[in-house]
Amino acid sequence: MSSITSYSLAEFNQDAPLHLTRLRETGEPEMLTIDGEPKVVVQDAEAYQKLLNELDYRTTVEGIRRGLASFERGEGRPVQEFFAELAAEAGVRAPTK
């Protein structure tokens, strides 16, 4: 996607079915303007869900990368130590192997 196509809200309302069909077929969003100012972006629900899934994936990968980098720097602590502390804070017995 290079840039978002813009339409006035009035244009969108005049031919909403055409816009909705285009949104569904292309998966590309449209910017709606009021008095020439961008106000809202509309997008097909399936395309929006795909965008959310991609964001979730990228966020997860970045978290894993940060964790691996932390491990490589020697940061962190053994999982057994963490669970023992967590159990102590919760007032329960730590699980054993």
N, C-alpha and C. Protein backbone atom coordinates (compact mmCIF):
# COMPACT_ATOMS: atom_id res chain seq x y z
N MET A 1 0.85 -1.17 0.00
CA MET A 1 0.00 0.00 0.00
C MET A 1 0.89 1.23 0.00
N SER A 2 0.70 2.11 -0.95
CA SER A 2 1.55 3.29 -1.03
C SER A 2 0.94 4.45 -0.25
N SER A 3 -0.29 4.80 -0.55
CA SER A 3 -0.95 5.86 0.21
C SER A 3 -2.44 5.56 0.27
N ILE A 4 -3.08 6.12 1.25
CA ILE A 4 -4.51 5.88 1.45
C ILE A 4 -5.30 6.82 0.55
N THR A 5 -6.26 6.28 -0.17
CA THR A 5 -7.14 7.08 -1.00
C THR A 5 -8.12 7.82 -0.10
N SER A 6 -8.31 9.11 -0.38
CA SER A 6 -9.20 9.94 0.45
C SER A 6 -10.49 10.27 -0.28
N TYR A 7 -11.56 10.30 0.48
CA TYR A 7 -12.88 10.71 -0.02
C TYR A 7 -13.51 11.58 1.06
N SER A 8 -14.36 12.48 0.63
CA SER A 8 -15.09 13.25 1.64
C SER A 8 -16.16 12.33 2.23
N LEU A 9 -16.56 12.64 3.43
CA LEU A 9 -17.61 11.86 4.06
C LEU A 9 -18.88 11.92 3.22
N ALA A 10 -19.15 13.07 2.62
CA ALA A 10 -20.33 13.22 1.76
C ALA A 10 -20.25 12.28 0.56
N GLU A 11 -19.06 12.18 -0.07
CA GLU A 11 -18.89 11.26 -1.21
C GLU A 11 -19.13 9.82 -0.76
N PHE A 12 -18.58 9.47 0.38
CA PHE A 12 -18.75 8.12 0.90
C PHE A 12 -20.23 7.82 1.12
N ASN A 13 -20.93 8.74 1.76
CA ASN A 13 -22.35 8.54 2.05
C ASN A 13 -23.20 8.47 0.79
N GLN A 14 -22.82 9.21 -0.24
CA GLN A 14 -23.60 9.21 -1.49
C GLN A 14 -23.57 7.86 -2.19
N ASP A 15 -22.47 7.15 -2.06
CA ASP A 15 -22.36 5.85 -2.73
C ASP A 15 -21.68 4.83 -1.83
N ALA A 16 -22.21 4.67 -0.62
CA ALA A 16 -21.62 3.76 0.37
C ALA A 16 -21.47 2.33 -0.16
N PRO A 17 -22.48 1.77 -0.86
CA PRO A 17 -22.31 0.40 -1.34
C PRO A 17 -21.09 0.23 -2.25
N LEU A 18 -20.82 1.20 -3.11
CA LEU A 18 -19.65 1.14 -3.99
C LEU A 18 -18.36 1.15 -3.16
N HIS A 19 -18.31 2.03 -2.18
CA HIS A 19 -17.12 2.10 -1.31
C HIS A 19 -16.94 0.81 -0.53
N LEU A 20 -18.01 0.27 0.02
CA LEU A 20 -17.92 -0.97 0.79
C LEU A 20 -17.46 -2.13 -0.08
N THR A 21 -17.95 -2.18 -1.31
CA THR A 21 -17.50 -3.22 -2.24
C THR A 21 -16.02 -3.08 -2.52
N ARG A 22 -15.57 -1.85 -2.78
CA ARG A 22 -14.15 -1.62 -3.05
C ARG A 22 -13.30 -1.98 -1.83
N LEU A 23 -13.75 -1.59 -0.65
CA LEU A 23 -13.03 -1.92 0.58
C LEU A 23 -12.89 -3.43 0.73
N ARG A 24 -13.95 -4.15 0.48
CA ARG A 24 -13.95 -5.61 0.62
C ARG A 24 -13.06 -6.27 -0.44
N GLU A 25 -13.15 -5.79 -1.68
CA GLU A 25 -12.39 -6.40 -2.77
C GLU A 25 -10.90 -6.11 -2.71
N THR A 26 -10.53 -4.89 -2.34
CA THR A 26 -9.11 -4.52 -2.34
C THR A 26 -8.43 -4.77 -1.00
N GLY A 27 -9.20 -4.72 0.08
CA GLY A 27 -8.60 -4.82 1.41
C GLY A 27 -7.87 -3.56 1.83
N GLU A 28 -7.87 -2.56 0.98
CA GLU A 28 -7.19 -1.29 1.27
C GLU A 28 -8.12 -0.34 2.02
N PRO A 29 -7.60 0.43 2.95
CA PRO A 29 -8.44 1.39 3.68
C PRO A 29 -8.73 2.64 2.85
N GLU A 30 -9.69 3.40 3.30
CA GLU A 30 -9.99 4.71 2.71
C GLU A 30 -10.02 5.74 3.83
N MET A 31 -9.48 6.92 3.55
CA MET A 31 -9.50 8.04 4.49
C MET A 31 -10.74 8.87 4.18
N LEU A 32 -11.53 9.16 5.19
CA LEU A 32 -12.69 10.03 5.00
C LEU A 32 -12.37 11.39 5.60
N THR A 33 -12.73 12.42 4.86
CA THR A 33 -12.44 13.78 5.28
C THR A 33 -13.73 14.56 5.52
N ILE A 34 -13.60 15.56 6.37
CA ILE A 34 -14.69 16.52 6.59
C ILE A 34 -14.06 17.89 6.43
N ASP A 35 -14.63 18.67 5.55
CA ASP A 35 -14.08 19.99 5.23
C ASP A 35 -12.61 19.90 4.84
N GLY A 36 -12.26 18.83 4.11
CA GLY A 36 -10.91 18.65 3.61
C GLY A 36 -9.90 18.13 4.62
N GLU A 37 -10.33 17.95 5.85
CA GLU A 37 -9.43 17.46 6.90
C GLU A 37 -9.65 15.97 7.14
N PRO A 38 -8.58 15.18 7.20
CA PRO A 38 -8.74 13.75 7.49
C PRO A 38 -9.37 13.56 8.86
N LYS A 39 -10.41 12.73 8.91
CA LYS A 39 -11.11 12.51 10.18
C LYS A 39 -11.18 11.05 10.61
N VAL A 40 -11.30 10.13 9.64
CA VAL A 40 -11.46 8.72 10.01
C VAL A 40 -10.97 7.84 8.86
N VAL A 41 -10.51 6.66 9.23
CA VAL A 41 -10.11 5.65 8.24
C VAL A 41 -11.11 4.52 8.33
N VAL A 42 -11.60 4.08 7.17
CA VAL A 42 -12.52 2.93 7.13
C VAL A 42 -11.81 1.79 6.40
N GLN A 43 -12.10 0.58 6.87
CA GLN A 43 -11.43 -0.59 6.30
C GLN A 43 -12.33 -1.80 6.45
N ASP A 44 -12.23 -2.71 5.52
CA ASP A 44 -12.95 -3.97 5.58
C ASP A 44 -12.55 -4.73 6.84
N ALA A 45 -13.51 -5.37 7.49
CA ALA A 45 -13.26 -6.06 8.76
C ALA A 45 -12.21 -7.16 8.61
N GLU A 46 -12.25 -7.91 7.54
CA GLU A 46 -11.27 -8.98 7.35
C GLU A 46 -9.86 -8.41 7.18
N ALA A 47 -9.74 -7.32 6.43
CA ALA A 47 -8.43 -6.68 6.25
C ALA A 47 -7.94 -6.10 7.57
N TYR A 48 -8.85 -5.55 8.37
CA TYR A 48 -8.48 -5.00 9.67
C TYR A 48 -7.99 -6.10 10.60
N GLN A 49 -8.68 -7.25 10.61
CA GLN A 49 -8.26 -8.37 11.45
C GLN A 49 -6.89 -8.86 11.02
N LYS A 50 -6.65 -8.91 9.72
CA LYS A 50 -5.34 -9.31 9.21
C LYS A 50 -4.26 -8.35 9.70
N LEU A 51 -4.56 -7.06 9.71
CA LEU A 51 -3.63 -6.05 10.20
C LEU A 51 -3.36 -6.26 11.69
N LEU A 52 -4.39 -6.52 12.47
CA LEU A 52 -4.21 -6.78 13.90
C LEU A 52 -3.36 -8.03 14.14
N ASN A 53 -3.60 -9.08 13.34
CA ASN A 53 -2.82 -10.31 13.47
C ASN A 53 -1.35 -10.05 13.16
N GLU A 54 -1.09 -9.26 12.13
CA GLU A 54 0.30 -8.93 11.77
C GLU A 54 0.96 -8.13 12.88
N LEU A 55 0.25 -7.19 13.46
CA LEU A 55 0.79 -6.40 14.57
C LEU A 55 1.09 -7.30 15.76
N ASP A 56 0.18 -8.21 16.07
CA ASP A 56 0.40 -9.14 17.18
C ASP A 56 1.63 -10.00 16.93
N TYR A 57 1.78 -10.50 15.71
CA TYR A 57 2.93 -11.32 15.35
C TYR A 57 4.22 -10.53 15.52
N ARG A 58 4.26 -9.31 14.97
CA ARG A 58 5.48 -8.50 15.05
C ARG A 58 5.82 -8.14 16.50
N THR A 59 4.80 -7.86 17.30
CA THR A 59 5.03 -7.56 18.71
C THR A 59 5.60 -8.78 19.43
N THR A 60 5.07 -9.94 19.13
CA THR A 60 5.55 -11.18 19.74
C THR A 60 7.00 -11.46 19.34
N VAL A 61 7.30 -11.33 18.07
CA VAL A 61 8.66 -11.57 17.59
C VAL A 61 9.64 -10.60 18.24
N GLU A 62 9.25 -9.33 18.35
CA GLU A 62 10.13 -8.35 18.98
C GLU A 62 10.36 -8.69 20.44
N GLY A 63 9.34 -9.14 21.15
CA GLY A 63 9.49 -9.54 22.54
C GLY A 63 10.45 -10.72 22.68
N ILE A 64 10.33 -11.67 21.76
CA ILE A 64 11.24 -12.83 21.79
C ILE A 64 12.67 -12.37 21.51
N ARG A 65 12.84 -11.48 20.54
CA ARG A 65 14.19 -10.96 20.24
C ARG A 65 14.80 -10.26 21.45
N ARG A 66 13.99 -9.45 22.13
CA ARG A 66 14.50 -8.77 23.33
C ARG A 66 14.87 -9.77 24.41
N GLY A 67 14.05 -10.79 24.58
CA GLY A 67 14.35 -11.82 25.57
C GLY A 67 15.62 -12.58 25.25
N LEU A 68 15.81 -12.92 23.99
CA LEU A 68 17.03 -13.62 23.58
C LEU A 68 18.26 -12.75 23.77
N ALA A 69 18.13 -11.48 23.41
CA ALA A 69 19.25 -10.56 23.59
C ALA A 69 19.60 -10.42 25.07
N SER A 70 18.58 -10.36 25.92
CA SER A 70 18.79 -10.28 27.36
C SER A 70 19.51 -11.54 27.86
N PHE A 71 19.08 -12.69 27.37
CA PHE A 71 19.71 -13.95 27.75
C PHE A 71 21.18 -13.96 27.32
N GLU A 72 21.44 -13.51 26.09
CA GLU A 72 22.82 -13.50 25.58
C GLU A 72 23.71 -12.54 26.38
N ARG A 73 23.13 -11.52 26.98
CA ARG A 73 23.90 -10.60 27.82
C ARG A 73 24.09 -11.15 29.24
N GLY A 74 23.51 -12.32 29.48
CA GLY A 74 23.64 -12.93 30.80
C GLY A 74 22.66 -12.40 31.82
N GLU A 75 21.64 -11.71 31.35
CA GLU A 75 20.62 -11.18 32.26
C GLU A 75 19.58 -12.26 32.54
N GLY A 76 18.75 -12.00 33.49
CA GLY A 76 17.70 -12.96 33.83
C GLY A 76 18.12 -13.85 34.98
N ARG A 77 17.27 -14.85 35.25
CA ARG A 77 17.56 -15.77 36.34
C ARG A 77 16.89 -17.10 36.05
N PRO A 78 17.29 -18.13 36.74
CA PRO A 78 16.71 -19.46 36.50
C PRO A 78 15.20 -19.46 36.79
N VAL A 79 14.46 -20.21 36.01
CA VAL A 79 13.02 -20.26 36.15
C VAL A 79 12.59 -20.79 37.51
N GLN A 80 13.36 -21.75 38.06
CA GLN A 80 13.01 -22.30 39.37
C GLN A 80 13.07 -21.21 40.43
N GLU A 81 14.06 -20.33 40.33
CA GLU A 81 14.19 -19.22 41.27
C GLU A 81 12.99 -18.27 41.16
N PHE A 82 12.58 -17.99 39.93
CA PHE A 82 11.43 -17.11 39.71
C PHE A 82 10.17 -17.72 40.31
N PHE A 83 9.92 -19.01 40.05
CA PHE A 83 8.71 -19.65 40.57
C PHE A 83 8.72 -19.73 42.09
N ALA A 84 9.87 -19.95 42.67
CA ALA A 84 9.96 -19.99 44.13
C ALA A 84 9.58 -18.63 44.72
N GLU A 85 10.09 -17.55 44.10
CA GLU A 85 9.76 -16.20 44.58
C GLU A 85 8.27 -15.89 44.38
N LEU A 86 7.74 -16.26 43.23
CA LEU A 86 6.33 -16.03 42.93
C LEU A 86 5.45 -16.79 43.93
N ALA A 87 5.80 -18.03 44.20
CA ALA A 87 5.02 -18.83 45.15
C ALA A 87 5.08 -18.22 46.54
N ALA A 88 6.26 -17.74 46.94
CA ALA A 88 6.40 -17.12 48.26
C ALA A 88 5.53 -15.87 48.35
N GLU A 89 5.51 -15.08 47.30
CA GLU A 89 4.67 -13.87 47.30
C GLU A 89 3.19 -14.20 47.36
N ALA A 90 2.81 -15.32 46.74
CA ALA A 90 1.41 -15.72 46.72
C ALA A 90 1.02 -16.54 47.95
N GLY A 91 2.02 -16.89 48.74
CA GLY A 91 1.74 -17.67 49.94
C GLY A 91 1.40 -19.11 49.68
N VAL A 92 1.94 -19.66 48.60
CA VAL A 92 1.71 -21.06 48.27
C VAL A 92 3.05 -21.77 48.14
N ARG A 93 2.99 -23.09 48.09
CA ARG A 93 4.22 -23.85 47.92
C ARG A 93 4.63 -23.85 46.45
N ALA A 94 5.92 -23.73 46.21
CA ALA A 94 6.44 -23.76 44.84
C ALA A 94 6.33 -25.18 44.32
N PRO A 95 6.01 -25.32 43.03
CA PRO A 95 5.96 -26.67 42.45
C PRO A 95 7.35 -27.30 42.45
N THR A 96 7.37 -28.60 42.56
CA THR A 96 8.63 -29.33 42.51
C THR A 96 8.71 -30.09 41.21
N LYS A 97 9.89 -30.49 40.86
CA LYS A 97 10.08 -31.21 39.58
C LYS A 97 9.39 -32.53 39.56
